[in-house]
Protein backbone atom coordinates (compact mmCIF):
# COMPACT_ATOMS: atom_id res chain seq x y z
CA MET A 1 -0.05 -0.02 0.04
CA TYR A 2 1.22 3.43 -0.80
CA ASN A 3 0.37 6.35 1.57
CA PRO A 4 -3.03 5.07 2.69
CA TYR A 5 -5.55 7.57 3.99
CA ILE A 6 -7.99 5.05 5.25
CA ILE A 7 -7.78 1.16 4.97
CA GLY A 8 -10.61 -1.29 4.48
CA LYS A 9 -10.67 -5.08 4.10
CA GLN A 10 -10.24 -5.20 0.33
CA ILE A 11 -9.44 -1.63 -0.64
CA TYR A 12 -7.74 1.50 0.73
CA LEU A 13 -8.17 5.13 -0.18
CA ARG A 14 -5.28 7.48 -0.89
CA HIS A 15 -4.53 10.78 -2.59
CA PRO A 16 -4.60 10.62 -6.43
CA THR A 17 -1.19 10.44 -8.08
CA GLU A 18 0.09 11.40 -11.40
CA GLU A 19 0.44 7.67 -12.18
CA ASP A 20 -3.33 7.36 -11.61
CA ALA A 21 -4.04 10.09 -14.05
CA LEU A 22 -1.66 8.54 -16.62
CA GLY A 23 -3.36 5.12 -16.09
CA LYS A 24 -6.84 4.04 -16.87
CA TRP A 25 -8.59 6.86 -15.07
CA HIS A 26 -9.23 8.81 -18.23
CA GLU A 27 -10.79 5.74 -19.94
CA TRP A 28 -13.42 5.43 -17.21
CA PHE A 29 -14.80 8.84 -18.05
CA SER A 30 -15.13 8.07 -21.68
CA ASP A 31 -16.77 4.72 -21.17
CA GLU A 32 -20.47 4.90 -21.94
CA GLU A 33 -21.38 2.29 -19.29
CA THR A 34 -19.40 3.98 -16.51
CA THR A 35 -20.61 7.44 -17.24
CA LYS A 36 -24.32 6.65 -17.99
CA TYR A 37 -25.64 8.26 -14.78
CA LEU A 38 -23.00 11.09 -14.50
CA VAL A 39 -23.77 14.70 -15.21
CA ASP A 40 -20.84 14.98 -17.65
CA GLN A 41 -21.63 11.83 -19.51
CA TRP A 42 -21.54 13.30 -23.00
CA TRP A 43 -17.90 14.62 -23.15
CA PRO A 44 -15.04 12.29 -24.06
CA ASN A 45 -11.96 12.31 -21.86
CA SER A 46 -8.22 12.00 -22.69
CA ILE A 47 -4.97 11.49 -20.78
CA GLU A 48 -4.28 15.20 -21.33
CA ASN A 49 -7.58 16.24 -19.93
CA GLN A 50 -7.17 13.88 -16.94
CA MET A 51 -3.70 15.28 -16.31
CA ASN A 52 -5.24 18.92 -16.25
CA ILE A 53 -7.89 17.66 -13.81
CA TYR A 54 -5.24 16.01 -11.61
CA ARG A 55 -3.05 19.22 -11.74
CA SER A 56 -6.04 21.40 -10.84
CA LEU A 57 -6.65 19.13 -7.76
CA VAL A 58 -3.07 19.47 -6.62
CA ASP A 59 -3.22 23.13 -7.17
CA GLU A 60 -6.41 23.47 -5.06
CA TRP A 61 -4.74 21.49 -2.27
CA ASN A 62 -1.63 23.53 -2.44
CA ARG A 63 -3.67 26.78 -2.21
CA GLY A 64 -5.36 25.30 0.88
CA SER A 65 -8.81 24.85 -0.60
CA ARG A 66 -10.90 22.55 1.39
CA ILE A 67 -14.11 22.50 -0.50
CA LYS A 68 -13.60 19.02 -1.98
CA LEU A 69 -11.74 15.87 -1.21
CA VAL A 70 -10.86 13.40 -4.01
CA LEU A 71 -9.35 10.09 -3.28
CA SER A 72 -8.20 7.08 -5.43
CA VAL A 73 -9.74 3.59 -4.60
CA VAL A 74 -6.98 1.02 -4.66
CA THR A 75 -7.00 -2.70 -4.06
CA LYS A 76 -5.00 -3.86 -1.13
CA LYS A 77 -3.99 -7.09 -2.61
CA ASP A 78 -2.22 -5.83 -5.68
CA ASP A 79 -2.43 -2.05 -5.52
CA ILE A 80 -4.56 -1.57 -8.59
CA HIS A 81 -6.29 1.86 -8.97
CA ILE A 82 -9.91 0.87 -9.55
CA GLY A 83 -11.93 4.05 -8.92
CA ILE A 84 -12.36 7.47 -7.47
CA VAL A 85 -14.37 8.69 -4.51
CA GLY A 86 -15.00 12.16 -3.41
CA LEU A 87 -16.68 14.72 -1.29
CA SER A 88 -17.61 17.93 -3.05
CA THR A 89 -19.14 21.20 -2.04
CA ILE A 90 -18.05 20.60 1.53
CA ASN A 91 -19.69 23.16 3.69
CA TRP A 92 -17.67 23.59 6.96
CA VAL A 93 -20.25 25.81 8.61
CA HIS A 94 -23.31 23.55 8.25
CA ARG A 95 -21.04 20.46 8.10
CA TYR A 96 -22.27 18.66 5.00
CA ALA A 97 -20.90 17.47 1.62
CA ASP A 98 -21.90 15.74 -1.52
CA LEU A 99 -20.62 12.09 -1.92
CA ILE A 100 -19.63 10.50 -5.27
CA ILE A 101 -18.16 7.11 -5.77
CA ILE A 102 -17.16 5.72 -9.12
CA ILE A 103 -15.64 2.24 -9.48
CA GLY A 104 -14.25 2.65 -12.91
CA ASP A 105 -12.50 -0.73 -13.46
CA LYS A 106 -15.31 -3.01 -14.57
CA LYS A 107 -13.64 -6.08 -13.05
CA TYR A 108 -14.11 -4.55 -9.58
CA ARG A 109 -17.62 -3.10 -10.06
CA ARG A 110 -19.18 -5.61 -7.67
CA ILE A 111 -20.96 -5.15 -4.46
CA PRO A 112 -18.09 -5.76 -2.02
CA TYR A 113 -15.93 -3.02 -3.51
CA THR A 114 -18.74 -0.53 -3.95
CA LEU A 115 -20.11 -1.06 -0.39
CA GLU A 116 -16.67 -0.83 1.10
CA ALA A 117 -15.96 2.36 -0.74
CA HIS A 118 -19.09 3.81 0.64
CA GLU A 119 -18.36 2.62 4.18
CA LEU A 120 -14.89 4.12 4.11
CA MET A 121 -16.19 7.42 2.83
CA HIS A 122 -18.74 7.45 5.56
CA VAL A 123 -16.10 6.97 8.13
CA VAL A 124 -14.04 9.72 6.57
CA SER A 125 -17.03 12.05 6.45
CA PHE A 126 -18.43 11.51 9.94
CA PHE A 127 -15.18 10.78 12.00
CA ARG A 128 -12.24 12.22 10.17
CA LEU A 129 -13.84 15.38 8.85
CA ASN A 130 -16.60 15.63 11.57
CA LEU A 131 -19.38 16.26 9.05
CA LEU A 132 -22.98 15.93 10.09
CA ASN A 133 -24.61 14.98 6.77
CA VAL A 134 -23.63 13.53 3.52
CA LYS A 135 -25.83 13.95 0.43
CA SER A 136 -25.98 11.63 -2.51
CA PHE A 137 -27.70 12.23 -5.84
CA TYR A 138 -28.77 9.46 -8.23
CA ALA A 139 -30.88 8.90 -11.23
CA GLN A 140 -34.31 7.30 -10.52
CA THR A 141 -33.45 4.45 -13.02
CA ASN A 142 -30.02 3.64 -11.43
CA LYS A 143 -30.92 0.46 -9.62
CA GLY A 144 -27.38 0.02 -8.15
CA ALA A 145 -27.51 3.44 -6.52
CA ILE A 146 -30.97 2.79 -5.16
CA ALA A 147 -29.76 -0.39 -3.52
CA VAL A 148 -26.80 1.32 -1.93
CA GLN A 149 -29.00 4.09 -0.63
CA LYS A 150 -31.25 1.48 1.00
CA ILE A 151 -28.39 -0.51 2.48
CA PHE A 152 -26.93 2.51 4.24
CA LYS A 153 -30.37 4.00 5.10
CA TYR A 154 -30.21 7.23 3.24
CA LYS A 155 -33.36 9.23 3.52
CA LYS A 156 -34.87 10.41 0.32
CA VAL A 157 -35.44 14.14 0.67
CA GLY A 158 -36.07 15.47 -2.77
CA VAL A 159 -36.57 14.90 -6.45
CA TYR A 160 -35.59 17.00 -9.48
CA GLU A 161 -38.22 15.70 -11.98
CA LYS A 162 -37.03 14.91 -15.49
CA LEU A 163 -33.64 16.53 -14.98
CA TYR A 164 -31.69 13.94 -16.82
CA THR A 165 -31.75 12.32 -20.15
CA ILE A 166 -30.65 8.69 -20.02
CA ASP A 167 -31.05 6.35 -22.90
CA GLY A 168 -33.15 8.96 -24.68
CA GLU A 169 -35.66 9.09 -21.84
CA GLN A 170 -36.19 11.83 -19.24
CA ASP A 171 -35.28 10.63 -15.69
CA ASP A 172 -35.53 12.18 -12.24
CA LEU A 173 -32.61 13.06 -10.13
CA VAL A 174 -33.14 12.02 -6.52
CA CYS A 175 -31.43 13.40 -3.51
CA GLY A 176 -30.74 11.20 -0.43
CA ILE A 177 -29.20 12.28 2.85
CA LEU A 178 -27.44 10.25 5.53
CA ASN A 179 -26.82 11.99 8.83
CA ARG A 180 -24.15 11.01 11.42
CA GLU A 181 -26.76 9.96 14.03
CA ASP A 182 -28.60 7.65 11.69
CA TYR A 183 -25.28 6.19 10.46
CA LEU A 184 -24.03 5.49 14.08
CA ARG A 185 -27.38 3.86 14.93
CA SER A 186 -27.21 1.67 12.00
CA ARG A 187 -23.60 0.60 12.84
CA LYS A 188 -24.68 -0.53 16.35
CA LYS A 189 -27.31 -3.02 14.91
């Protein structure tokens, strides 16, 4: 493991590296299946673009910006970069953030990796960063996201009707929230 930020059973999270940006990361954000439910699903990606994104993250960190946290998802067994997780629009006054998790490597896009990535980000959010709420947005037709929301007991708090176009059809964007108290209660069971 290289410089882990938080360690799980099968994966660990760490800061993104230039090697990540030069690897398969850019391919995930050009892949139709991977980006189907993402807001920026229509734009292709390249190594050059991914390097620019990586450099902008490094620049933000170096300037002391703390409005987002982006981490690489890496397998413990063989140190393969398989995805990206993040907290964006972190609000330190009201102590909430938006959660995003993308397992880009299709070989690892299975329940154990996805659930562990969520669990690790909940620990980061509620214990390391002392946030009170995590928001998660998903398309109404995204069955995988709905299942994860139910497992972690997110509360559905709002719907943007017909905001997305997915597979040529209008789809709703749903907002779910998990607060620290509910998360702690669910861990005790």
